[in-house]
N, C-alpha and C. Protein backbone atom coordinates (compact mmCIF):
# COMPACT_ATOMS: atom_id res chain seq x y z
N MET A 1 51.15 -0.60 -7.30
CA MET A 1 49.78 -1.05 -7.16
C MET A 1 49.39 -1.84 -8.41
N LEU A 2 48.66 -2.90 -8.22
CA LEU A 2 48.15 -3.72 -9.31
C LEU A 2 46.67 -3.38 -9.51
N ILE A 3 46.33 -2.91 -10.71
CA ILE A 3 44.96 -2.53 -11.02
C ILE A 3 44.50 -3.34 -12.22
N HIS A 4 43.37 -4.01 -12.06
CA HIS A 4 42.76 -4.80 -13.13
C HIS A 4 41.53 -4.03 -13.63
N TYR A 5 41.51 -3.69 -14.91
CA TYR A 5 40.31 -3.13 -15.50
C TYR A 5 39.49 -4.30 -16.04
N ARG A 6 38.24 -4.40 -15.59
CA ARG A 6 37.36 -5.49 -16.00
C ARG A 6 36.02 -4.92 -16.47
N CYS A 7 35.39 -5.64 -17.39
CA CYS A 7 34.07 -5.22 -17.86
C CYS A 7 33.04 -5.56 -16.79
N LYS A 8 32.20 -4.60 -16.47
CA LYS A 8 31.20 -4.83 -15.43
C LYS A 8 30.06 -5.73 -15.91
N HIS A 9 29.97 -5.98 -17.20
CA HIS A 9 28.92 -6.84 -17.73
C HIS A 9 29.40 -8.26 -18.00
N CYS A 10 30.48 -8.41 -18.76
CA CYS A 10 30.95 -9.75 -19.15
C CYS A 10 32.16 -10.21 -18.34
N HIS A 11 32.70 -9.34 -17.48
CA HIS A 11 33.83 -9.63 -16.60
C HIS A 11 35.14 -9.96 -17.34
N THR A 12 35.21 -9.60 -18.61
CA THR A 12 36.44 -9.76 -19.37
C THR A 12 37.50 -8.81 -18.82
N THR A 13 38.74 -9.28 -18.75
CA THR A 13 39.83 -8.40 -18.37
C THR A 13 40.18 -7.52 -19.55
N ILE A 14 40.12 -6.22 -19.35
CA ILE A 14 40.41 -5.26 -20.40
C ILE A 14 41.89 -4.88 -20.36
N ALA A 15 42.41 -4.68 -19.16
CA ALA A 15 43.82 -4.32 -19.00
C ALA A 15 44.26 -4.56 -17.57
N ASP A 16 45.53 -4.79 -17.39
CA ASP A 16 46.14 -4.90 -16.07
C ASP A 16 47.27 -3.88 -16.00
N LEU A 17 47.24 -3.06 -14.98
CA LEU A 17 48.30 -2.09 -14.75
C LEU A 17 49.04 -2.48 -13.49
N ASN A 18 50.35 -2.52 -13.55
CA ASN A 18 51.14 -2.89 -12.39
C ASN A 18 52.36 -1.98 -12.32
N HIS A 19 52.35 -1.13 -11.32
CA HIS A 19 53.48 -0.23 -11.12
C HIS A 19 53.55 0.12 -9.65
N ASP A 20 54.72 0.09 -9.08
CA ASP A 20 54.86 0.31 -7.65
C ASP A 20 54.47 1.71 -7.20
N ARG A 21 54.50 2.68 -8.09
CA ARG A 21 54.12 4.05 -7.72
C ARG A 21 52.75 4.46 -8.23
N LEU A 22 52.01 3.55 -8.83
CA LEU A 22 50.70 3.84 -9.39
C LEU A 22 49.65 3.87 -8.28
N ASN A 23 48.74 4.84 -8.34
CA ASN A 23 47.61 4.85 -7.41
C ASN A 23 46.37 5.33 -8.15
N LEU A 24 45.23 5.14 -7.52
CA LEU A 24 43.96 5.45 -8.18
C LEU A 24 43.79 6.94 -8.45
N GLU A 25 44.40 7.79 -7.65
CA GLU A 25 44.31 9.22 -7.87
C GLU A 25 45.01 9.62 -9.17
N GLN A 26 46.11 8.97 -9.48
CA GLN A 26 46.83 9.27 -10.72
C GLN A 26 46.00 8.90 -11.95
N LEU A 27 45.07 7.98 -11.79
CA LEU A 27 44.20 7.57 -12.89
C LEU A 27 42.94 8.42 -12.96
N GLY A 28 42.80 9.36 -12.02
CA GLY A 28 41.63 10.25 -12.01
C GLY A 28 40.42 9.69 -11.30
N LEU A 29 40.56 8.54 -10.68
CA LEU A 29 39.41 7.91 -10.03
C LEU A 29 39.01 8.60 -8.73
N ASN A 30 39.84 9.51 -8.24
CA ASN A 30 39.49 10.28 -7.05
C ASN A 30 38.41 11.32 -7.36
N HIS A 31 38.11 11.56 -8.64
CA HIS A 31 37.07 12.50 -9.03
C HIS A 31 35.68 11.87 -9.02
N LEU A 32 35.60 10.57 -8.82
CA LEU A 32 34.32 9.89 -8.73
C LEU A 32 33.65 10.20 -7.39
N THR A 33 32.33 10.14 -7.38
CA THR A 33 31.62 10.29 -6.11
C THR A 33 31.84 9.03 -5.28
N THR A 34 31.52 9.11 -4.01
CA THR A 34 31.66 7.94 -3.13
C THR A 34 30.84 6.78 -3.65
N ASP A 35 29.63 7.05 -4.10
CA ASP A 35 28.75 5.99 -4.63
C ASP A 35 29.36 5.37 -5.89
N GLN A 36 29.89 6.19 -6.77
CA GLN A 36 30.52 5.68 -7.99
C GLN A 36 31.73 4.82 -7.66
N ARG A 37 32.55 5.27 -6.71
CA ARG A 37 33.73 4.49 -6.31
C ARG A 37 33.31 3.14 -5.74
N GLN A 38 32.25 3.11 -4.93
CA GLN A 38 31.80 1.85 -4.34
C GLN A 38 31.31 0.88 -5.41
N ARG A 39 30.68 1.41 -6.47
CA ARG A 39 30.17 0.55 -7.53
C ARG A 39 31.26 0.12 -8.51
N MET A 40 32.27 0.95 -8.71
CA MET A 40 33.25 0.70 -9.76
C MET A 40 34.55 0.06 -9.30
N ILE A 41 34.90 0.20 -8.01
CA ILE A 41 36.20 -0.26 -7.55
C ILE A 41 36.04 -1.28 -6.43
N LYS A 42 36.70 -2.42 -6.61
CA LYS A 42 36.71 -3.46 -5.58
C LYS A 42 38.16 -3.68 -5.16
N TYR A 43 38.43 -3.46 -3.88
CA TYR A 43 39.79 -3.60 -3.35
C TYR A 43 40.01 -5.02 -2.83
N TYR A 44 41.16 -5.60 -3.17
CA TYR A 44 41.55 -6.90 -2.64
C TYR A 44 42.59 -6.75 -1.54
N SER A 45 43.34 -5.70 -1.62
CA SER A 45 44.35 -5.37 -0.62
C SER A 45 44.69 -3.90 -0.85
N PRO A 46 45.50 -3.31 0.01
CA PRO A 46 45.88 -1.91 -0.23
C PRO A 46 46.62 -1.71 -1.55
N ASN A 47 47.15 -2.79 -2.13
CA ASN A 47 47.93 -2.68 -3.36
C ASN A 47 47.31 -3.38 -4.56
N GLU A 48 46.04 -3.78 -4.47
CA GLU A 48 45.41 -4.46 -5.60
C GLU A 48 43.92 -4.13 -5.64
N ALA A 49 43.43 -3.80 -6.85
CA ALA A 49 42.03 -3.45 -7.00
C ALA A 49 41.54 -3.80 -8.40
N ASP A 50 40.24 -4.07 -8.49
CA ASP A 50 39.56 -4.21 -9.78
C ASP A 50 38.79 -2.92 -10.02
N VAL A 51 38.85 -2.41 -11.25
CA VAL A 51 38.08 -1.24 -11.65
C VAL A 51 37.13 -1.72 -12.74
N TYR A 52 35.83 -1.58 -12.48
CA TYR A 52 34.83 -2.07 -13.42
C TYR A 52 34.37 -0.96 -14.35
N VAL A 53 34.57 -1.20 -15.65
CA VAL A 53 34.18 -0.30 -16.72
C VAL A 53 33.42 -1.13 -17.76
N ILE A 54 33.23 -0.61 -18.96
CA ILE A 54 32.52 -1.35 -20.00
C ILE A 54 33.46 -1.60 -21.18
N CYS A 55 33.56 -2.85 -21.62
CA CYS A 55 34.41 -3.18 -22.77
C CYS A 55 33.72 -2.75 -24.07
N GLU A 56 34.48 -2.71 -25.15
CA GLU A 56 33.95 -2.29 -26.44
C GLU A 56 32.82 -3.18 -26.92
N SER A 57 32.93 -4.47 -26.68
CA SER A 57 31.91 -5.40 -27.13
C SER A 57 30.58 -5.15 -26.42
N CYS A 58 30.63 -4.97 -25.12
CA CYS A 58 29.40 -4.70 -24.36
C CYS A 58 28.85 -3.32 -24.70
N GLU A 59 29.74 -2.35 -24.91
CA GLU A 59 29.29 -1.02 -25.29
C GLU A 59 28.54 -1.07 -26.62
N SER A 60 29.03 -1.85 -27.57
CA SER A 60 28.37 -2.01 -28.86
C SER A 60 27.01 -2.70 -28.69
N ALA A 61 26.97 -3.74 -27.87
CA ALA A 61 25.70 -4.44 -27.63
C ALA A 61 24.68 -3.50 -26.98
N LEU A 62 25.11 -2.68 -26.03
CA LEU A 62 24.21 -1.72 -25.39
C LEU A 62 23.71 -0.67 -26.38
N TYR A 63 24.55 -0.28 -27.31
CA TYR A 63 24.16 0.69 -28.32
C TYR A 63 23.09 0.11 -29.24
N HIS A 64 23.30 -1.13 -29.68
CA HIS A 64 22.37 -1.75 -30.61
C HIS A 64 21.11 -2.29 -29.94
N TYR A 65 21.19 -2.61 -28.67
CA TYR A 65 20.05 -3.16 -27.92
C TYR A 65 19.90 -2.39 -26.61
N PRO A 66 19.29 -1.21 -26.66
CA PRO A 66 19.18 -0.36 -25.47
C PRO A 66 18.48 -1.04 -24.29
N SER A 67 17.65 -2.02 -24.54
CA SER A 67 16.97 -2.71 -23.43
C SER A 67 17.96 -3.45 -22.53
N TYR A 68 19.17 -3.70 -23.02
CA TYR A 68 20.19 -4.36 -22.20
C TYR A 68 20.61 -3.51 -21.00
N HIS A 69 20.36 -2.21 -21.06
CA HIS A 69 20.72 -1.33 -19.94
C HIS A 69 20.01 -1.75 -18.66
N GLU A 70 18.89 -2.44 -18.79
CA GLU A 70 18.12 -2.89 -17.63
C GLU A 70 18.75 -4.10 -16.96
N MET A 71 19.70 -4.74 -17.62
CA MET A 71 20.31 -5.97 -17.11
C MET A 71 21.69 -5.69 -16.53
N ASP A 72 22.05 -6.44 -15.50
CA ASP A 72 23.40 -6.36 -14.96
C ASP A 72 24.37 -7.21 -15.77
N TYR A 73 23.86 -8.25 -16.40
CA TYR A 73 24.70 -9.18 -17.15
C TYR A 73 23.94 -9.64 -18.38
N PHE A 74 24.59 -9.68 -19.51
CA PHE A 74 23.99 -10.21 -20.73
C PHE A 74 25.04 -10.93 -21.53
N ILE A 75 24.62 -11.91 -22.30
CA ILE A 75 25.55 -12.71 -23.09
C ILE A 75 25.48 -12.22 -24.53
N HIS A 76 26.64 -12.06 -25.15
CA HIS A 76 26.67 -11.66 -26.56
C HIS A 76 27.81 -12.37 -27.27
């Protein structure tokens, strides 16, 4: 399975995982609620998905500027 970790704010690619035996359960994503999975994971095929998380840069910006939490996208 090919899994792309991307920042949900700036859409930067954080990491790409590619392994024929890899699945989302092995990464612990099966512990998410249905709503969380729908917001965080976008499937392109049975063997490819994007997982949206927060990169270090956006995490730092959110820490220093808490009002950014109200935005889906911000430039920094």
